[in-house]
Amino acid sequence: MKIIRPLFISGCLFFVVPSISSATGTLAPTIVPLVNGGQANIAISNTDPNLFTVPGDRITAINSLDGGLTNQEQTESGGAILATVSKKPFTFIVETERGLNFSIRAVPREGGGANYSAGH
């Protein structure tokens, strides 16, 4: 695991959660604000992979102590593809190259995977 040097950043992060707009059939983002070190509750698919990104930054580590994640892979652009088969909520920690970290309380559900993007 890569060693992360702390970087103190003030301000907020916003997690963008796409949702389907029934009128147009297109993805419309839902923004979930996060502060560095904060936590968000997010529904993730337990039947398809989910993509997490932090624009302008690279995800360097994702850790789940309770084993909720069954697979995780880095993308070339710095994101992470995550999969789970868990049916119970669990928490994982996301760390980035620039020193941001936050926890995600994942609430598994059946259905298509989603793309999540943190912004600030």
N, C-alpha and C. Protein backbone atom coordinates (compact mmCIF):
# COMPACT_ATOMS: atom_id res chain seq x y z
N MET A 1 0.85 -1.18 0.00
CA MET A 1 0.00 0.00 0.00
C MET A 1 0.89 1.23 0.00
N LYS A 2 0.52 2.23 -0.74
CA LYS A 2 1.27 3.47 -0.84
C LYS A 2 1.07 4.31 0.41
N ILE A 3 2.14 4.91 0.90
CA ILE A 3 2.05 5.77 2.08
C ILE A 3 1.47 7.11 1.66
N ILE A 4 0.47 7.55 2.38
CA ILE A 4 -0.21 8.81 2.09
C ILE A 4 0.30 9.86 3.07
N ARG A 5 0.79 10.95 2.55
CA ARG A 5 1.21 12.07 3.40
C ARG A 5 0.00 12.96 3.64
N PRO A 6 -0.23 13.36 4.88
CA PRO A 6 -1.39 14.19 5.17
C PRO A 6 -1.31 15.55 4.47
N LEU A 7 -2.42 15.98 3.97
CA LEU A 7 -2.54 17.29 3.34
C LEU A 7 -3.80 17.92 3.93
N PHE A 8 -3.64 19.05 4.55
CA PHE A 8 -4.78 19.68 5.19
C PHE A 8 -5.43 20.63 4.20
N ILE A 9 -6.66 20.33 3.89
CA ILE A 9 -7.42 21.11 2.92
C ILE A 9 -8.72 21.52 3.58
N SER A 10 -9.01 22.79 3.51
CA SER A 10 -10.30 23.23 4.04
C SER A 10 -11.29 23.29 2.89
N GLY A 11 -12.53 23.17 3.21
CA GLY A 11 -13.55 23.22 2.18
C GLY A 11 -14.34 21.92 2.17
N CYS A 12 -15.14 21.77 1.16
CA CYS A 12 -16.02 20.61 1.06
C CYS A 12 -15.73 19.83 -0.21
N LEU A 13 -16.06 18.58 -0.16
CA LEU A 13 -16.09 17.72 -1.33
C LEU A 13 -17.55 17.49 -1.64
N PHE A 14 -17.85 17.24 -2.86
CA PHE A 14 -19.20 16.89 -3.23
C PHE A 14 -19.14 15.58 -3.98
N PHE A 15 -19.93 14.62 -3.55
CA PHE A 15 -19.96 13.34 -4.23
C PHE A 15 -21.12 13.41 -5.20
N VAL A 16 -20.86 13.16 -6.46
CA VAL A 16 -21.88 13.23 -7.48
C VAL A 16 -22.40 11.82 -7.69
N VAL A 17 -23.68 11.63 -7.47
CA VAL A 17 -24.30 10.33 -7.61
C VAL A 17 -25.29 10.40 -8.77
N PRO A 18 -24.99 9.72 -9.89
CA PRO A 18 -25.90 9.79 -11.02
C PRO A 18 -27.22 9.08 -10.71
N SER A 19 -28.29 9.64 -11.18
CA SER A 19 -29.58 8.97 -11.08
C SER A 19 -30.29 9.11 -12.43
N ILE A 20 -31.19 8.20 -12.74
CA ILE A 20 -31.86 8.21 -14.03
C ILE A 20 -33.03 9.19 -14.00
N SER A 21 -33.07 10.06 -14.98
CA SER A 21 -34.19 10.96 -15.14
C SER A 21 -35.22 10.27 -16.03
N SER A 22 -36.42 10.02 -15.51
CA SER A 22 -37.42 9.27 -16.25
C SER A 22 -37.90 10.00 -17.50
N ALA A 23 -37.88 11.31 -17.49
CA ALA A 23 -38.37 12.07 -18.64
C ALA A 23 -37.44 11.96 -19.84
N THR A 24 -36.14 11.98 -19.61
CA THR A 24 -35.20 11.99 -20.73
C THR A 24 -34.41 10.71 -20.88
N GLY A 25 -34.38 9.85 -19.85
CA GLY A 25 -33.59 8.64 -19.91
C GLY A 25 -32.10 8.89 -19.79
N THR A 26 -31.72 10.10 -19.36
CA THR A 26 -30.31 10.45 -19.22
C THR A 26 -29.92 10.46 -17.75
N LEU A 27 -28.64 10.48 -17.49
CA LEU A 27 -28.16 10.53 -16.12
C LEU A 27 -28.18 11.97 -15.60
N ALA A 28 -28.77 12.16 -14.45
CA ALA A 28 -28.79 13.47 -13.80
C ALA A 28 -28.08 13.31 -12.46
N PRO A 29 -27.03 14.09 -12.19
CA PRO A 29 -26.27 13.88 -10.95
C PRO A 29 -27.01 14.37 -9.71
N THR A 30 -26.83 13.62 -8.65
CA THR A 30 -27.25 14.03 -7.32
C THR A 30 -25.98 14.31 -6.55
N ILE A 31 -25.85 15.48 -5.94
CA ILE A 31 -24.62 15.86 -5.26
C ILE A 31 -24.77 15.61 -3.76
N VAL A 32 -23.78 14.89 -3.20
CA VAL A 32 -23.73 14.62 -1.77
C VAL A 32 -22.50 15.32 -1.22
N PRO A 33 -22.65 16.37 -0.40
CA PRO A 33 -21.48 17.09 0.11
C PRO A 33 -20.71 16.27 1.14
N LEU A 34 -19.38 16.35 1.06
CA LEU A 34 -18.48 15.68 2.00
C LEU A 34 -17.37 16.65 2.39
N VAL A 35 -17.00 16.65 3.64
CA VAL A 35 -15.79 17.37 4.06
C VAL A 35 -14.67 16.35 4.12
N ASN A 36 -13.43 16.81 3.94
CA ASN A 36 -12.30 15.90 4.06
C ASN A 36 -12.37 15.22 5.42
N GLY A 37 -12.34 13.91 5.43
CA GLY A 37 -12.50 13.15 6.67
C GLY A 37 -13.93 12.82 6.99
N GLY A 38 -14.88 13.23 6.13
CA GLY A 38 -16.29 13.00 6.38
C GLY A 38 -16.78 11.65 5.89
N GLN A 39 -18.09 11.43 6.00
CA GLN A 39 -18.70 10.17 5.60
C GLN A 39 -19.98 10.44 4.83
N ALA A 40 -20.27 9.55 3.86
CA ALA A 40 -21.52 9.63 3.10
C ALA A 40 -22.13 8.25 3.02
N ASN A 41 -23.44 8.18 2.98
CA ASN A 41 -24.17 6.93 2.74
C ASN A 41 -24.51 6.88 1.26
N ILE A 42 -24.11 5.82 0.59
CA ILE A 42 -24.34 5.71 -0.84
C ILE A 42 -24.81 4.30 -1.17
N ALA A 43 -25.87 4.19 -1.97
CA ALA A 43 -26.33 2.89 -2.45
C ALA A 43 -25.40 2.43 -3.57
N ILE A 44 -24.88 1.19 -3.46
CA ILE A 44 -24.05 0.64 -4.53
C ILE A 44 -24.63 -0.69 -4.98
N SER A 45 -24.36 -1.02 -6.22
CA SER A 45 -24.85 -2.27 -6.77
C SER A 45 -24.07 -3.45 -6.20
N ASN A 46 -24.79 -4.53 -5.88
CA ASN A 46 -24.12 -5.76 -5.49
C ASN A 46 -24.26 -6.82 -6.59
N THR A 47 -24.67 -6.36 -7.79
CA THR A 47 -24.76 -7.26 -8.94
C THR A 47 -23.88 -6.81 -10.10
N ASP A 48 -23.46 -5.55 -10.12
CA ASP A 48 -22.60 -5.00 -11.17
C ASP A 48 -21.51 -4.14 -10.54
N PRO A 49 -20.39 -3.94 -11.26
CA PRO A 49 -19.32 -3.07 -10.74
C PRO A 49 -19.78 -1.61 -10.62
N ASN A 50 -19.14 -0.88 -9.72
CA ASN A 50 -19.40 0.54 -9.48
C ASN A 50 -18.10 1.29 -9.70
N LEU A 51 -18.16 2.50 -10.27
CA LEU A 51 -16.97 3.30 -10.54
C LEU A 51 -16.95 4.52 -9.63
N PHE A 52 -15.81 4.74 -8.96
CA PHE A 52 -15.60 5.90 -8.10
C PHE A 52 -14.45 6.71 -8.66
N THR A 53 -14.62 8.04 -8.77
CA THR A 53 -13.55 8.92 -9.23
C THR A 53 -13.51 10.19 -8.38
N VAL A 54 -12.34 10.82 -8.37
CA VAL A 54 -12.16 12.13 -7.73
C VAL A 54 -11.49 13.00 -8.80
N PRO A 55 -12.25 13.87 -9.49
CA PRO A 55 -11.67 14.67 -10.57
C PRO A 55 -10.45 15.47 -10.12
N GLY A 56 -9.40 15.43 -10.94
CA GLY A 56 -8.18 16.16 -10.64
C GLY A 56 -7.31 15.49 -9.60
N ASP A 57 -7.66 14.28 -9.19
CA ASP A 57 -6.93 13.55 -8.17
C ASP A 57 -6.98 12.07 -8.53
N ARG A 58 -6.15 11.27 -7.90
CA ARG A 58 -6.12 9.83 -8.12
C ARG A 58 -6.45 9.11 -6.82
N ILE A 59 -7.32 8.13 -6.89
CA ILE A 59 -7.59 7.29 -5.74
C ILE A 59 -6.39 6.35 -5.59
N THR A 60 -5.78 6.36 -4.42
CA THR A 60 -4.59 5.53 -4.19
C THR A 60 -4.88 4.32 -3.32
N ALA A 61 -5.93 4.37 -2.52
CA ALA A 61 -6.25 3.23 -1.66
C ALA A 61 -7.73 3.22 -1.32
N ILE A 62 -8.26 2.01 -1.26
CA ILE A 62 -9.62 1.79 -0.77
C ILE A 62 -9.53 0.61 0.19
N ASN A 63 -9.98 0.83 1.41
CA ASN A 63 -9.87 -0.20 2.44
C ASN A 63 -11.22 -0.45 3.08
N SER A 64 -11.53 -1.72 3.27
CA SER A 64 -12.74 -2.12 3.96
C SER A 64 -12.37 -3.19 4.97
N LEU A 65 -12.45 -2.86 6.25
CA LEU A 65 -12.04 -3.79 7.29
C LEU A 65 -12.96 -4.99 7.42
N ASP A 66 -14.23 -4.81 7.08
CA ASP A 66 -15.18 -5.90 7.28
C ASP A 66 -15.33 -6.80 6.06
N GLY A 67 -14.50 -6.63 5.04
CA GLY A 67 -14.51 -7.52 3.89
C GLY A 67 -15.70 -7.34 2.95
N GLY A 68 -16.33 -6.18 2.97
CA GLY A 68 -17.49 -5.95 2.11
C GLY A 68 -17.18 -5.89 0.63
N LEU A 69 -15.95 -5.52 0.28
CA LEU A 69 -15.58 -5.43 -1.13
C LEU A 69 -15.00 -6.75 -1.60
N THR A 70 -15.52 -7.28 -2.71
CA THR A 70 -15.01 -8.53 -3.25
C THR A 70 -13.97 -8.30 -4.32
N ASN A 71 -13.94 -7.10 -4.92
CA ASN A 71 -12.97 -6.79 -5.96
C ASN A 71 -12.81 -5.28 -6.04
N GLN A 72 -11.58 -4.84 -6.31
CA GLN A 72 -11.30 -3.43 -6.55
C GLN A 72 -10.13 -3.33 -7.50
N GLU A 73 -10.27 -2.48 -8.51
CA GLU A 73 -9.23 -2.29 -9.51
C GLU A 73 -9.07 -0.81 -9.79
N GLN A 74 -7.83 -0.37 -9.99
CA GLN A 74 -7.55 1.02 -10.37
C GLN A 74 -7.82 1.19 -11.86
N THR A 75 -8.30 2.37 -12.25
CA THR A 75 -8.43 2.70 -13.67
C THR A 75 -7.23 3.55 -14.07
N GLU A 76 -6.97 3.64 -15.36
CA GLU A 76 -5.85 4.44 -15.84
C GLU A 76 -6.01 5.92 -15.49
N SER A 77 -7.25 6.38 -15.37
CA SER A 77 -7.50 7.79 -15.08
C SER A 77 -7.47 8.11 -13.59
N GLY A 78 -7.22 7.11 -12.73
CA GLY A 78 -7.12 7.37 -11.30
C GLY A 78 -8.35 7.02 -10.51
N GLY A 79 -9.35 6.47 -11.15
CA GLY A 79 -10.55 6.05 -10.44
C GLY A 79 -10.40 4.64 -9.91
N ALA A 80 -11.47 4.11 -9.36
CA ALA A 80 -11.47 2.75 -8.85
C ALA A 80 -12.79 2.08 -9.18
N ILE A 81 -12.69 0.84 -9.65
CA ILE A 81 -13.87 0.03 -9.93
C ILE A 81 -14.03 -0.92 -8.74
N LEU A 82 -15.21 -0.89 -8.15
CA LEU A 82 -15.48 -1.68 -6.94
C LEU A 82 -16.63 -2.64 -7.18
N ALA A 83 -16.51 -3.81 -6.58
CA ALA A 83 -17.60 -4.79 -6.65
C ALA A 83 -17.83 -5.38 -5.26
N THR A 84 -19.07 -5.76 -5.01
CA THR A 84 -19.44 -6.41 -3.76
C THR A 84 -20.57 -7.39 -4.04
N VAL A 85 -20.66 -8.41 -3.22
CA VAL A 85 -21.82 -9.31 -3.25
C VAL A 85 -22.56 -9.23 -1.92
N SER A 86 -22.09 -8.34 -1.06
CA SER A 86 -22.69 -8.17 0.26
C SER A 86 -24.15 -7.73 0.15
N LYS A 87 -24.94 -8.18 1.08
CA LYS A 87 -26.33 -7.73 1.17
C LYS A 87 -26.53 -6.82 2.38
N LYS A 88 -25.48 -6.71 3.21
CA LYS A 88 -25.55 -5.88 4.40
C LYS A 88 -24.70 -4.62 4.20
N PRO A 89 -25.11 -3.49 4.78
CA PRO A 89 -24.28 -2.27 4.69
C PRO A 89 -22.89 -2.49 5.28
N PHE A 90 -21.91 -1.81 4.71
CA PHE A 90 -20.54 -1.86 5.19
C PHE A 90 -19.88 -0.53 4.88
N THR A 91 -18.72 -0.29 5.47
CA THR A 91 -18.02 0.97 5.28
C THR A 91 -16.66 0.72 4.65
N PHE A 92 -16.28 1.60 3.71
CA PHE A 92 -14.93 1.56 3.17
C PHE A 92 -14.36 2.97 3.14
N ILE A 93 -13.03 3.04 3.20
CA ILE A 93 -12.31 4.31 3.25
C ILE A 93 -11.64 4.55 1.91
N VAL A 94 -11.80 5.77 1.37
CA VAL A 94 -11.17 6.17 0.11
C VAL A 94 -10.06 7.17 0.44
N GLU A 95 -8.85 6.94 -0.09
CA GLU A 95 -7.72 7.85 0.07
C GLU A 95 -7.25 8.27 -1.31
N THR A 96 -6.81 9.53 -1.43
CA THR A 96 -6.35 10.02 -2.74
C THR A 96 -4.89 10.47 -2.68
N GLU A 97 -4.34 10.64 -3.85
CA GLU A 97 -2.94 11.06 -3.99
C GLU A 97 -2.68 12.41 -3.32
N ARG A 98 -3.65 13.30 -3.35
CA ARG A 98 -3.50 14.64 -2.75
C ARG A 98 -3.82 14.68 -1.27
N GLY A 99 -4.05 13.52 -0.66
CA GLY A 99 -4.25 13.45 0.77
C GLY A 99 -5.68 13.55 1.26
N LEU A 100 -6.64 13.54 0.36
CA LEU A 100 -8.04 13.54 0.79
C LEU A 100 -8.40 12.14 1.28
N ASN A 101 -9.25 12.06 2.26
CA ASN A 101 -9.77 10.77 2.69
C ASN A 101 -11.18 10.96 3.20
N PHE A 102 -12.01 9.99 2.93
CA PHE A 102 -13.38 10.01 3.41
C PHE A 102 -13.90 8.59 3.45
N SER A 103 -14.92 8.37 4.26
CA SER A 103 -15.49 7.04 4.36
C SER A 103 -16.84 7.01 3.67
N ILE A 104 -17.12 5.87 3.09
CA ILE A 104 -18.39 5.65 2.42
C ILE A 104 -19.10 4.50 3.12
N ARG A 105 -20.28 4.76 3.60
CA ARG A 105 -21.12 3.70 4.15
C ARG A 105 -21.94 3.20 2.97
N ALA A 106 -21.53 2.04 2.45
CA ALA A 106 -22.17 1.47 1.27
C ALA A 106 -23.42 0.68 1.67
N VAL A 107 -24.50 0.97 0.99
CA VAL A 107 -25.75 0.25 1.22
C VAL A 107 -26.01 -0.56 -0.06
N PRO A 108 -25.67 -1.88 -0.04
CA PRO A 108 -25.81 -2.69 -1.25
C PRO A 108 -27.27 -2.87 -1.67
N ARG A 109 -27.44 -2.94 -2.98
CA ARG A 109 -28.76 -3.17 -3.58
C ARG A 109 -28.55 -3.87 -4.91
N GLU A 110 -29.57 -4.58 -5.37
CA GLU A 110 -29.51 -5.19 -6.69
C GLU A 110 -29.74 -4.12 -7.73
N GLY A 111 -29.15 -4.31 -8.91
CA GLY A 111 -29.34 -3.35 -9.99
C GLY A 111 -28.03 -2.99 -10.64
N GLY A 112 -28.13 -2.18 -11.66
CA GLY A 112 -26.95 -1.78 -12.41
C GLY A 112 -25.95 -0.99 -11.59
N GLY A 113 -24.68 -1.16 -11.91
CA GLY A 113 -23.63 -0.39 -11.24
C GLY A 113 -23.78 1.08 -11.55
N ALA A 114 -23.17 1.91 -10.74
CA ALA A 114 -23.28 3.36 -10.91
C ALA A 114 -21.91 4.00 -10.93
N ASN A 115 -21.86 5.24 -11.42
CA ASN A 115 -20.64 6.04 -11.41
C ASN A 115 -20.79 7.11 -10.35
N TYR A 116 -19.79 7.22 -9.49
CA TYR A 116 -19.78 8.21 -8.43
C TYR A 116 -18.54 9.07 -8.59
N SER A 117 -18.69 10.37 -8.47
CA SER A 117 -17.56 11.28 -8.62
C SER A 117 -17.56 12.32 -7.52
N ALA A 118 -16.44 12.41 -6.81
CA ALA A 118 -16.31 13.42 -5.76
C ALA A 118 -15.80 14.70 -6.39
N GLY A 119 -16.30 15.83 -6.00
CA GLY A 119 -15.85 17.12 -6.49
C GLY A 119 -15.73 18.09 -5.34
N HIS A 120 -15.04 19.18 -5.57
CA HIS A 120 -14.92 20.20 -4.53
C HIS A 120 -14.89 21.55 -5.15
